[in-house]
Amino acid sequence: MGLSTHVLDTMHGCPAAGMQVELYTLQGERATPVKKLVLNSDGRTPDGPLYKDGELKNGSYRLVFDVAGYFKARGVQLPEPNFLDRVSLDFGVADASQHYHVPLLVSPWAYSTYRGS
């Protein structure tokens, strides 16, 4: 049924509007870029799901979130090197007939994710 993501900035208590995100397909050690985008004002992908109904395939994927770039753009003073720079989440799709939602809750020092609905 598709793939979506949503990012919440837990430092400021708001959606991570303007964060850059990259999507890759994975085959072993090889990562193939699929798309790059910037999250909208709600912290979601601007053009709907990353994969719409019927487009998602079983397999391995990677989402890469530019956490340090986002917080620097918000004026947060980060140490050099950054504690978190780019957060990379590798995940598998075992049943492409289901919807996969991969949310990220993030601050400059911590993050969590889960399979959402």
N, C-alpha and C. Protein backbone atom coordinates (compact mmCIF):
# COMPACT_ATOMS: atom_id res chain seq x y z
N MET A 1 0.81 -1.21 0.00
CA MET A 1 0.00 0.00 0.00
C MET A 1 0.84 1.26 0.00
N GLY A 2 2.15 1.16 0.08
CA GLY A 2 2.97 2.35 -0.02
C GLY A 2 3.92 2.53 1.13
N LEU A 3 4.71 3.61 1.05
CA LEU A 3 5.73 3.95 2.03
C LEU A 3 5.66 5.43 2.31
N SER A 4 5.65 5.79 3.60
CA SER A 4 5.63 7.20 3.98
C SER A 4 6.56 7.42 5.16
N THR A 5 6.88 8.69 5.41
CA THR A 5 7.69 9.07 6.55
C THR A 5 7.17 10.38 7.11
N HIS A 6 7.57 10.67 8.33
CA HIS A 6 7.14 11.88 9.03
C HIS A 6 8.22 12.15 10.07
N VAL A 7 8.69 13.39 10.20
CA VAL A 7 9.74 13.70 11.16
C VAL A 7 9.25 14.77 12.12
N LEU A 8 9.42 14.49 13.42
CA LEU A 8 9.09 15.45 14.46
C LEU A 8 10.35 15.88 15.19
N ASP A 9 10.51 17.17 15.35
CA ASP A 9 11.63 17.80 16.06
C ASP A 9 11.25 17.82 17.54
N THR A 10 11.86 16.94 18.33
CA THR A 10 11.51 16.85 19.75
C THR A 10 12.18 17.94 20.58
N MET A 11 13.19 18.62 20.04
CA MET A 11 13.82 19.72 20.76
C MET A 11 12.87 20.93 20.81
N HIS A 12 12.23 21.21 19.68
CA HIS A 12 11.36 22.38 19.58
C HIS A 12 9.88 22.02 19.69
N GLY A 13 9.56 20.71 19.68
CA GLY A 13 8.17 20.30 19.78
C GLY A 13 7.33 20.64 18.56
N CYS A 14 7.91 20.37 17.36
CA CYS A 14 7.20 20.72 16.13
C CYS A 14 7.63 19.78 15.00
N PRO A 15 6.92 19.82 13.88
CA PRO A 15 7.37 19.05 12.71
C PRO A 15 8.71 19.59 12.22
N ALA A 16 9.51 18.72 11.62
CA ALA A 16 10.84 19.10 11.12
C ALA A 16 10.75 19.64 9.69
N ALA A 17 10.04 20.74 9.54
CA ALA A 17 9.87 21.37 8.24
C ALA A 17 11.22 21.80 7.68
N GLY A 18 11.46 21.47 6.42
CA GLY A 18 12.70 21.86 5.76
C GLY A 18 13.82 20.84 5.86
N MET A 19 13.62 19.74 6.59
CA MET A 19 14.67 18.72 6.68
C MET A 19 14.81 18.01 5.33
N GLN A 20 16.05 17.77 4.92
CA GLN A 20 16.31 17.04 3.69
C GLN A 20 16.34 15.54 3.99
N VAL A 21 15.73 14.77 3.07
CA VAL A 21 15.62 13.32 3.23
C VAL A 21 15.98 12.67 1.90
N GLU A 22 16.68 11.53 1.98
CA GLU A 22 17.01 10.76 0.79
C GLU A 22 16.48 9.34 0.98
N LEU A 23 15.99 8.75 -0.11
CA LEU A 23 15.50 7.37 -0.12
C LEU A 23 16.37 6.55 -1.07
N TYR A 24 16.76 5.37 -0.61
CA TYR A 24 17.57 4.44 -1.40
C TYR A 24 16.93 3.05 -1.37
N THR A 25 17.15 2.28 -2.44
CA THR A 25 16.88 0.85 -2.38
C THR A 25 18.22 0.18 -2.09
N LEU A 26 18.18 -0.95 -1.40
CA LEU A 26 19.40 -1.67 -1.02
C LEU A 26 19.41 -3.06 -1.62
N GLN A 27 20.58 -3.44 -2.14
CA GLN A 27 20.84 -4.81 -2.58
C GLN A 27 22.21 -5.16 -2.06
N GLY A 28 22.25 -5.92 -0.96
CA GLY A 28 23.52 -6.20 -0.31
C GLY A 28 24.12 -4.90 0.18
N GLU A 29 25.36 -4.63 -0.21
CA GLU A 29 26.05 -3.40 0.19
C GLU A 29 25.78 -2.23 -0.75
N ARG A 30 25.07 -2.49 -1.84
CA ARG A 30 24.82 -1.46 -2.84
C ARG A 30 23.54 -0.68 -2.52
N ALA A 31 23.68 0.65 -2.43
CA ALA A 31 22.55 1.54 -2.21
C ALA A 31 22.31 2.35 -3.49
N THR A 32 21.10 2.25 -4.01
CA THR A 32 20.74 2.96 -5.24
C THR A 32 19.80 4.11 -4.89
N PRO A 33 20.18 5.35 -5.22
CA PRO A 33 19.30 6.49 -4.90
C PRO A 33 17.98 6.40 -5.65
N VAL A 34 16.90 6.70 -4.95
CA VAL A 34 15.56 6.73 -5.55
C VAL A 34 15.07 8.17 -5.65
N LYS A 35 15.16 8.91 -4.53
CA LYS A 35 14.73 10.32 -4.57
C LYS A 35 15.29 11.09 -3.39
N LYS A 36 15.39 12.41 -3.59
CA LYS A 36 15.77 13.36 -2.55
C LYS A 36 14.63 14.36 -2.45
N LEU A 37 14.35 14.79 -1.22
CA LEU A 37 13.25 15.72 -1.05
C LEU A 37 13.46 16.52 0.22
N VAL A 38 12.64 17.54 0.39
CA VAL A 38 12.64 18.40 1.56
C VAL A 38 11.26 18.30 2.20
N LEU A 39 11.21 18.06 3.51
CA LEU A 39 9.94 17.89 4.19
C LEU A 39 9.14 19.19 4.23
N ASN A 40 7.84 19.06 4.15
CA ASN A 40 6.95 20.24 4.14
C ASN A 40 6.71 20.77 5.56
N SER A 41 5.81 21.72 5.70
CA SER A 41 5.57 22.37 6.98
C SER A 41 5.02 21.42 8.05
N ASP A 42 4.50 20.28 7.62
CA ASP A 42 3.99 19.27 8.55
C ASP A 42 5.03 18.19 8.84
N GLY A 43 6.25 18.35 8.33
CA GLY A 43 7.30 17.36 8.53
C GLY A 43 7.09 16.10 7.70
N ARG A 44 6.32 16.22 6.63
CA ARG A 44 6.01 15.08 5.76
C ARG A 44 6.52 15.34 4.35
N THR A 45 6.54 14.30 3.54
CA THR A 45 6.98 14.44 2.16
C THR A 45 5.99 15.30 1.39
N PRO A 46 6.48 16.22 0.58
CA PRO A 46 5.60 17.22 -0.05
C PRO A 46 4.63 16.67 -1.09
N ASP A 47 4.96 15.57 -1.74
CA ASP A 47 4.13 15.06 -2.83
C ASP A 47 3.43 13.76 -2.45
N GLY A 48 3.10 13.59 -1.18
CA GLY A 48 2.44 12.36 -0.76
C GLY A 48 3.46 11.30 -0.41
N PRO A 49 3.03 10.04 -0.40
CA PRO A 49 3.92 8.96 0.01
C PRO A 49 5.18 8.85 -0.86
N LEU A 50 6.23 8.30 -0.29
CA LEU A 50 7.47 8.04 -1.04
C LEU A 50 7.21 7.03 -2.15
N TYR A 51 6.42 6.03 -1.84
CA TYR A 51 5.90 5.08 -2.83
C TYR A 51 4.40 5.03 -2.63
N LYS A 52 3.66 5.17 -3.71
CA LYS A 52 2.21 5.12 -3.63
C LYS A 52 1.74 3.66 -3.71
N ASP A 53 0.45 3.45 -3.55
CA ASP A 53 -0.12 2.11 -3.64
C ASP A 53 0.32 1.41 -4.92
N GLY A 54 0.80 0.19 -4.77
CA GLY A 54 1.21 -0.61 -5.92
C GLY A 54 2.64 -0.37 -6.38
N GLU A 55 3.31 0.69 -5.91
CA GLU A 55 4.69 0.98 -6.34
C GLU A 55 5.73 0.31 -5.45
N LEU A 56 5.41 0.14 -4.17
CA LEU A 56 6.37 -0.43 -3.21
C LEU A 56 6.56 -1.92 -3.50
N LYS A 57 7.80 -2.37 -3.43
CA LYS A 57 8.15 -3.78 -3.65
C LYS A 57 8.78 -4.35 -2.39
N ASN A 58 8.66 -5.64 -2.19
CA ASN A 58 9.38 -6.29 -1.09
C ASN A 58 10.87 -6.05 -1.28
N GLY A 59 11.59 -5.83 -0.19
CA GLY A 59 13.02 -5.61 -0.29
C GLY A 59 13.53 -4.75 0.84
N SER A 60 14.76 -4.28 0.66
CA SER A 60 15.43 -3.47 1.68
C SER A 60 15.57 -2.04 1.19
N TYR A 61 15.40 -1.12 2.14
CA TYR A 61 15.41 0.30 1.84
C TYR A 61 16.22 1.06 2.88
N ARG A 62 16.58 2.29 2.53
CA ARG A 62 17.30 3.17 3.46
C ARG A 62 16.71 4.59 3.33
N LEU A 63 16.39 5.17 4.47
CA LEU A 63 16.05 6.58 4.54
C LEU A 63 17.19 7.30 5.26
N VAL A 64 17.65 8.42 4.71
CA VAL A 64 18.72 9.20 5.30
C VAL A 64 18.19 10.60 5.57
N PHE A 65 18.26 11.01 6.83
CA PHE A 65 17.73 12.29 7.28
C PHE A 65 18.89 13.22 7.65
N ASP A 66 18.92 14.43 7.09
CA ASP A 66 19.98 15.40 7.37
C ASP A 66 19.66 16.15 8.66
N VAL A 67 19.94 15.49 9.78
CA VAL A 67 19.60 16.02 11.10
C VAL A 67 20.42 17.27 11.43
N ALA A 68 21.74 17.21 11.30
CA ALA A 68 22.59 18.35 11.65
C ALA A 68 22.26 19.56 10.77
N GLY A 69 22.07 19.33 9.48
CA GLY A 69 21.73 20.43 8.58
C GLY A 69 20.43 21.11 8.98
N TYR A 70 19.47 20.32 9.38
CA TYR A 70 18.18 20.86 9.82
C TYR A 70 18.35 21.72 11.07
N PHE A 71 19.03 21.19 12.09
CA PHE A 71 19.16 21.95 13.34
C PHE A 71 20.04 23.18 13.17
N LYS A 72 21.08 23.09 12.35
CA LYS A 72 21.90 24.27 12.07
C LYS A 72 21.07 25.36 11.40
N ALA A 73 20.21 24.96 10.46
CA ALA A 73 19.35 25.92 9.78
C ALA A 73 18.37 26.58 10.74
N ARG A 74 18.05 25.89 11.83
CA ARG A 74 17.16 26.46 12.86
C ARG A 74 17.93 27.32 13.86
N GLY A 75 19.25 27.44 13.68
CA GLY A 75 20.06 28.28 14.56
C GLY A 75 20.58 27.60 15.81
N VAL A 76 20.47 26.28 15.87
CA VAL A 76 20.96 25.55 17.04
C VAL A 76 22.48 25.46 16.96
N GLN A 77 23.16 25.82 18.04
CA GLN A 77 24.62 25.71 18.12
C GLN A 77 24.97 24.25 18.37
N LEU A 78 25.61 23.62 17.40
CA LEU A 78 25.99 22.21 17.52
C LEU A 78 27.49 22.10 17.69
N PRO A 79 27.96 21.10 18.45
CA PRO A 79 29.40 20.90 18.59
C PRO A 79 29.99 20.39 17.27
N GLU A 80 31.27 20.58 17.09
CA GLU A 80 31.98 20.03 15.92
C GLU A 80 32.95 18.97 16.42
N PRO A 81 32.89 17.76 15.96
CA PRO A 81 31.87 17.30 15.01
C PRO A 81 30.51 17.16 15.68
N ASN A 82 29.47 17.13 14.86
CA ASN A 82 28.11 16.98 15.36
C ASN A 82 27.95 15.61 16.02
N PHE A 83 27.15 15.56 17.09
CA PHE A 83 26.86 14.26 17.68
C PHE A 83 26.06 13.41 16.70
N LEU A 84 24.99 13.97 16.16
CA LEU A 84 24.24 13.33 15.07
C LEU A 84 24.39 14.20 13.83
N ASP A 85 24.79 13.59 12.74
CA ASP A 85 24.92 14.32 11.49
C ASP A 85 23.77 13.92 10.58
N ARG A 86 23.91 12.79 9.94
CA ARG A 86 22.86 12.22 9.10
C ARG A 86 22.40 10.92 9.75
N VAL A 87 21.12 10.80 9.98
CA VAL A 87 20.57 9.57 10.55
C VAL A 87 20.12 8.69 9.39
N SER A 88 20.68 7.49 9.35
CA SER A 88 20.38 6.52 8.30
C SER A 88 19.59 5.37 8.90
N LEU A 89 18.41 5.12 8.35
CA LEU A 89 17.56 4.02 8.82
C LEU A 89 17.42 2.99 7.71
N ASP A 90 17.94 1.80 7.95
CA ASP A 90 17.78 0.69 7.02
C ASP A 90 16.63 -0.18 7.52
N PHE A 91 15.72 -0.52 6.63
CA PHE A 91 14.57 -1.32 7.02
C PHE A 91 14.13 -2.20 5.86
N GLY A 92 13.38 -3.23 6.20
CA GLY A 92 12.92 -4.17 5.19
C GLY A 92 11.42 -4.13 5.04
N VAL A 93 10.98 -4.37 3.82
CA VAL A 93 9.56 -4.50 3.49
C VAL A 93 9.32 -5.95 3.15
N ALA A 94 8.60 -6.65 4.03
CA ALA A 94 8.34 -8.07 3.83
C ALA A 94 7.01 -8.32 3.12
N ASP A 95 6.09 -7.37 3.19
CA ASP A 95 4.78 -7.53 2.57
C ASP A 95 4.35 -6.20 1.97
N ALA A 96 4.67 -6.01 0.70
CA ALA A 96 4.42 -4.72 0.03
C ALA A 96 2.93 -4.42 -0.14
N SER A 97 2.06 -5.37 0.18
CA SER A 97 0.63 -5.09 0.11
C SER A 97 0.17 -4.30 1.33
N GLN A 98 1.03 -4.20 2.35
CA GLN A 98 0.73 -3.41 3.54
C GLN A 98 1.34 -2.01 3.40
N HIS A 99 0.87 -1.07 4.22
CA HIS A 99 1.47 0.26 4.23
C HIS A 99 2.61 0.28 5.25
N TYR A 100 3.75 0.85 4.87
CA TYR A 100 4.89 1.01 5.76
C TYR A 100 5.08 2.50 6.01
N HIS A 101 5.01 2.88 7.28
CA HIS A 101 5.23 4.27 7.68
C HIS A 101 6.44 4.27 8.60
N VAL A 102 7.45 5.10 8.28
CA VAL A 102 8.70 5.14 9.04
C VAL A 102 8.87 6.55 9.61
N PRO A 103 8.33 6.80 10.80
CA PRO A 103 8.47 8.10 11.43
C PRO A 103 9.82 8.23 12.15
N LEU A 104 10.27 9.45 12.31
CA LEU A 104 11.50 9.74 13.05
C LEU A 104 11.21 10.84 14.05
N LEU A 105 11.54 10.59 15.31
CA LEU A 105 11.49 11.59 16.37
C LEU A 105 12.94 11.94 16.65
N VAL A 106 13.30 13.23 16.57
CA VAL A 106 14.72 13.56 16.59
C VAL A 106 15.02 14.87 17.31
N SER A 107 16.17 14.88 17.97
CA SER A 107 16.78 16.09 18.54
C SER A 107 18.24 16.06 18.09
N PRO A 108 19.05 17.06 18.43
CA PRO A 108 20.46 17.00 18.05
C PRO A 108 21.24 15.87 18.74
N TRP A 109 20.63 15.26 19.78
CA TRP A 109 21.36 14.27 20.58
C TRP A 109 20.71 12.90 20.66
N ALA A 110 19.52 12.74 20.08
CA ALA A 110 18.84 11.46 20.20
C ALA A 110 17.81 11.32 19.09
N TYR A 111 17.48 10.06 18.76
CA TYR A 111 16.39 9.81 17.84
C TYR A 111 15.75 8.46 18.14
N SER A 112 14.52 8.31 17.69
CA SER A 112 13.84 7.03 17.77
C SER A 112 12.94 6.89 16.56
N THR A 113 12.67 5.65 16.22
CA THR A 113 11.80 5.34 15.10
C THR A 113 11.01 4.09 15.43
N TYR A 114 10.05 3.78 14.62
CA TYR A 114 9.23 2.58 14.79
C TYR A 114 8.46 2.38 13.48
N ARG A 115 7.83 1.25 13.35
CA ARG A 115 6.96 1.07 12.20
C ARG A 115 5.60 1.61 12.56
N GLY A 116 5.23 2.70 11.95
CA GLY A 116 3.95 3.33 12.23
C GLY A 116 2.85 2.73 11.36
N SER A 117 1.69 3.33 11.45
CA SER A 117 0.56 2.84 10.67
C SER A 117 0.18 3.82 9.58
